[in-house]
Protein backbone atom coordinates (compact mmCIF):
# COMPACT_ATOMS: atom_id res chain seq x y z
CA UNK A 1 33.84 -5.79 -18.74
CA UNK A 2 34.91 -2.49 -17.13
CA UNK A 3 37.37 -1.75 -19.91
CA UNK A 4 34.74 -2.43 -22.59
CA UNK A 5 32.33 -0.05 -20.84
CA UNK A 6 35.06 2.60 -20.59
CA UNK A 7 35.75 2.19 -24.29
CA UNK A 8 32.04 2.56 -25.10
CA UNK A 9 31.74 5.64 -22.88
CA UNK A 10 34.84 7.10 -24.49
CA UNK A 11 32.75 7.48 -27.62
CA UNK A 12 29.44 8.69 -26.19
CA UNK A 13 27.50 9.33 -22.98
CA UNK A 14 24.93 6.57 -22.49
CA UNK A 15 22.35 5.15 -20.08
CA UNK A 16 22.79 1.64 -18.68
CA UNK A 17 20.19 0.37 -21.14
CA UNK A 18 21.97 2.01 -24.06
CA UNK A 19 25.27 0.47 -22.88
CA UNK A 20 23.55 -2.89 -22.77
CA UNK A 21 22.22 -2.44 -26.31
CA UNK A 22 25.71 -1.61 -27.59
CA UNK A 23 27.20 -4.63 -25.86
CA UNK A 24 24.41 -6.89 -27.08
CA UNK A 25 24.86 -5.68 -30.68
CA UNK A 26 28.63 -5.63 -30.80
CA UNK A 27 30.45 -7.23 -27.87
CA UNK A 28 28.69 -10.43 -26.86
CA UNK A 29 31.76 -12.46 -27.79
CA UNK A 30 33.79 -10.39 -25.29
CA UNK A 31 31.49 -9.91 -22.34
CA UNK A 32 28.03 -10.53 -20.90
CA UNK A 33 25.16 -8.26 -21.84
CA UNK A 34 23.26 -9.04 -18.61
CA UNK A 35 21.92 -5.93 -16.92
CA UNK A 36 23.23 -7.13 -13.54
CA UNK A 37 26.78 -7.57 -14.86
CA UNK A 38 26.74 -4.12 -16.49
CA UNK A 39 25.33 -2.44 -13.38
CA UNK A 40 27.98 -4.16 -11.20
CA UNK A 41 30.74 -3.02 -13.55
CA UNK A 42 29.34 0.54 -13.55
CA UNK A 43 29.24 0.50 -9.74
CA UNK A 44 32.94 -0.46 -9.65
CA UNK A 45 33.77 2.18 -12.21
CA UNK A 46 31.86 4.81 -10.20
CA UNK A 47 33.64 3.80 -6.97
CA UNK A 48 37.00 4.14 -8.76
CA UNK A 49 35.87 7.53 -10.13
CA UNK A 50 36.46 6.34 -13.69
CA UNK A 51 32.90 7.23 -14.77
CA UNK A 52 30.29 9.66 -13.58
CA UNK A 53 26.62 10.21 -14.38
CA UNK A 54 24.04 12.94 -14.75
CA UNK A 55 20.48 12.28 -13.60
CA UNK A 56 17.59 13.55 -15.65
CA UNK A 57 13.90 12.86 -16.23
CA UNK A 58 12.60 11.73 -19.62
CA UNK A 59 8.92 10.95 -20.13
CA UNK A 60 8.40 10.87 -16.34
CA UNK A 61 11.18 8.30 -15.92
CA UNK A 62 14.33 9.02 -13.87
CA UNK A 63 17.42 8.15 -15.86
CA UNK A 64 21.19 8.28 -15.46
CA UNK A 65 23.46 9.09 -18.37
CA UNK A 66 26.99 7.82 -17.77
CA UNK A 67 30.17 9.43 -19.07
CA UNK A 68 33.85 8.73 -18.74
CA UNK A 69 35.92 10.95 -16.43
CA UNK A 70 39.40 12.25 -17.13
CA UNK A 71 40.70 9.57 -14.77
CA UNK A 72 38.68 6.96 -16.64
CA UNK A 73 40.09 8.17 -19.93
CA UNK A 74 43.65 7.91 -18.56
CA UNK A 75 42.90 4.40 -17.26
CA UNK A 76 41.52 3.27 -20.60
CA UNK A 77 44.43 4.78 -22.60
CA UNK A 78 46.92 3.13 -20.17
CA UNK A 79 45.18 -0.24 -20.67
CA UNK A 80 45.20 0.22 -24.46
CA UNK A 81 48.95 0.80 -24.39
CA UNK A 82 49.52 -2.58 -22.72
CA UNK A 83 50.11 -5.31 -25.35
CA UNK A 84 47.17 -7.65 -25.78
CA UNK A 85 47.67 -11.30 -24.84
CA UNK A 86 45.25 -12.87 -27.28
CA UNK A 87 46.38 -16.39 -26.32
CA UNK A 88 45.26 -15.72 -22.73
CA UNK A 89 41.57 -16.12 -23.65
CA UNK A 90 40.26 -19.13 -21.73
CA UNK A 91 37.41 -21.23 -23.06
CA UNK A 92 36.29 -24.02 -20.78
CA UNK A 93 34.01 -25.29 -23.50
CA UNK A 94 37.13 -26.64 -25.27
CA UNK A 95 37.19 -29.26 -22.54
CA UNK A 96 34.15 -30.82 -24.15
CA UNK A 97 36.14 -31.30 -27.36
CA UNK A 98 39.14 -32.58 -25.38
CA UNK A 99 37.04 -35.32 -23.83
CA UNK A 100 34.53 -35.89 -26.63
CA UNK A 101 36.23 -39.13 -27.55
CA UNK A 102 34.62 -40.60 -24.40
CA UNK A 103 31.25 -40.47 -26.14
CA UNK A 104 29.96 -42.93 -28.72
CA UNK A 105 30.08 -41.71 -32.33
CA UNK A 106 26.26 -41.49 -32.51
CA UNK A 107 26.34 -39.20 -29.45
CA UNK A 108 29.12 -37.00 -30.85
CA UNK A 109 27.54 -36.21 -34.22
CA UNK A 110 24.45 -34.34 -32.88
CA UNK A 111 26.76 -32.32 -30.61
CA UNK A 112 28.98 -31.41 -33.56
CA UNK A 113 25.88 -30.43 -35.56
CA UNK A 114 24.80 -28.11 -32.76
CA UNK A 115 28.27 -26.61 -32.37
CA UNK A 116 28.41 -25.98 -36.14
CA UNK A 117 24.93 -24.42 -36.16
CA UNK A 118 25.84 -22.08 -33.29
CA UNK A 119 29.11 -21.08 -34.96
CA UNK A 120 27.36 -20.47 -38.28
CA UNK A 121 24.81 -18.25 -36.48
CA UNK A 122 27.61 -16.29 -34.81
CA UNK A 123 29.28 -15.87 -38.20
CA UNK A 124 26.02 -14.76 -39.82
CA UNK A 125 25.46 -12.23 -37.01
CA UNK A 126 28.93 -10.73 -37.50
CA UNK A 127 28.50 -10.60 -41.29
CA UNK A 128 25.18 -8.81 -40.75
CA UNK A 129 26.88 -6.25 -38.46
CA UNK A 130 29.62 -5.80 -41.06
CA UNK A 131 27.05 -5.25 -43.77
CA UNK A 132 25.03 -2.82 -41.65
CA UNK A 133 28.13 -0.83 -40.68
CA UNK A 134 29.29 -0.65 -44.28
CA UNK A 135 25.97 0.82 -45.36
CA UNK A 136 25.81 3.51 -42.68
CA UNK A 137 27.89 6.52 -42.01
CA UNK A 138 28.95 7.81 -38.63
CA UNK A 139 27.24 11.15 -39.13
CA UNK A 140 25.21 10.82 -35.91
CA UNK A 141 28.28 10.02 -33.82
CA UNK A 142 30.33 12.75 -35.50
CA UNK A 143 27.53 15.25 -34.85
CA UNK A 144 27.41 14.14 -31.22
CA UNK A 145 31.15 14.71 -30.86
CA UNK A 146 30.82 18.24 -32.31
CA UNK A 147 28.09 19.19 -29.83
CA UNK A 148 29.84 17.80 -26.75
CA UNK A 149 33.19 19.55 -26.00
CA UNK A 150 34.34 16.69 -23.76
CA UNK A 151 34.18 14.26 -26.67
CA UNK A 152 35.16 16.65 -29.43
CA UNK A 153 38.50 17.39 -27.75
CA UNK A 154 39.54 13.76 -27.29
CA UNK A 155 37.84 11.72 -29.98
CA UNK A 156 36.60 13.62 -33.04
CA UNK A 157 40.02 13.99 -34.69
CA UNK A 158 40.52 10.21 -34.35
CA UNK A 159 37.18 9.10 -35.79
CA UNK A 160 38.67 7.41 -38.91
CA UNK A 161 41.26 5.48 -36.83
CA UNK A 162 38.61 4.47 -34.29
CA UNK A 163 36.32 3.20 -37.02
CA UNK A 164 39.16 1.38 -38.80
CA UNK A 165 40.14 -0.57 -35.66
CA UNK A 166 36.50 -1.37 -34.87
CA UNK A 167 36.17 -2.85 -38.35
CA UNK A 168 39.48 -4.72 -37.95
CA UNK A 169 38.20 -6.26 -34.70
CA UNK A 170 35.00 -7.28 -36.41
CA UNK A 171 37.02 -8.80 -39.29
CA UNK A 172 39.10 -10.72 -36.74
CA UNK A 173 35.90 -12.16 -35.26
CA UNK A 174 34.66 -13.09 -38.73
CA UNK A 175 37.97 -14.76 -39.61
CA UNK A 176 37.99 -16.74 -36.34
CA UNK A 177 34.35 -17.77 -36.76
CA UNK A 178 35.02 -18.85 -40.35
CA UNK A 179 38.00 -20.92 -39.24
CA UNK A 180 35.94 -22.48 -36.42
CA UNK A 181 33.05 -23.40 -38.74
CA UNK A 182 35.44 -25.05 -41.21
CA UNK A 183 37.37 -26.83 -38.44
CA UNK A 184 34.25 -28.33 -36.89
CA UNK A 185 32.84 -29.27 -40.29
CA UNK A 186 36.09 -31.17 -40.95
CA UNK A 187 35.87 -32.81 -37.51
CA UNK A 188 32.32 -33.93 -38.32
CA UNK A 189 33.41 -35.33 -41.73
CA UNK A 190 36.29 -37.18 -40.05
CA UNK A 191 33.92 -38.51 -37.38
CA UNK A 192 31.54 -39.76 -40.04
CA UNK A 193 34.41 -41.52 -41.79
CA UNK A 194 35.46 -43.17 -38.51
CA UNK A 195 31.88 -44.30 -37.91
CA UNK A 196 31.80 -46.04 -41.31
CA UNK A 197 35.01 -47.99 -40.63
């Protein structure tokens, strides 16, 4: 989670609640959006001096706006230069599929229906994000970068590349979700055929 937060803060200074909103809207497949998890990750990042914050008062409420430090930026860029091991993602839920044959067919089918429904919802959510992103421009973020020298120096000249890889990651998620929906639909059809034998 720390690397995701560093990546988010590489783009813009945010409060913990704003970080949570970004994670909830865009990164739920990668990490938890629980406030406790985010606060714990921020605490570790602060202790490692990878992020800092500025306290301020807004509408009589004390707030902290977090930003990435030079050390945090170096850490993130070093991590990004390490090849990704996509096959290293562990999903204990696959164990349910592995042992699903232990259930009676009439017990498996409702489970498969629920899995399919959840996957279809995930896919719909990602398609909605893709549609929303396609219909907006990054004028607000670009304007932010121009008014904040820390961000302008490191990020503004890479805005097109940053956006392109964000969209590629979203497309990866859509492709995986589409595959999973089709795979589980086939499993359900095959299970129905077995039940009729």
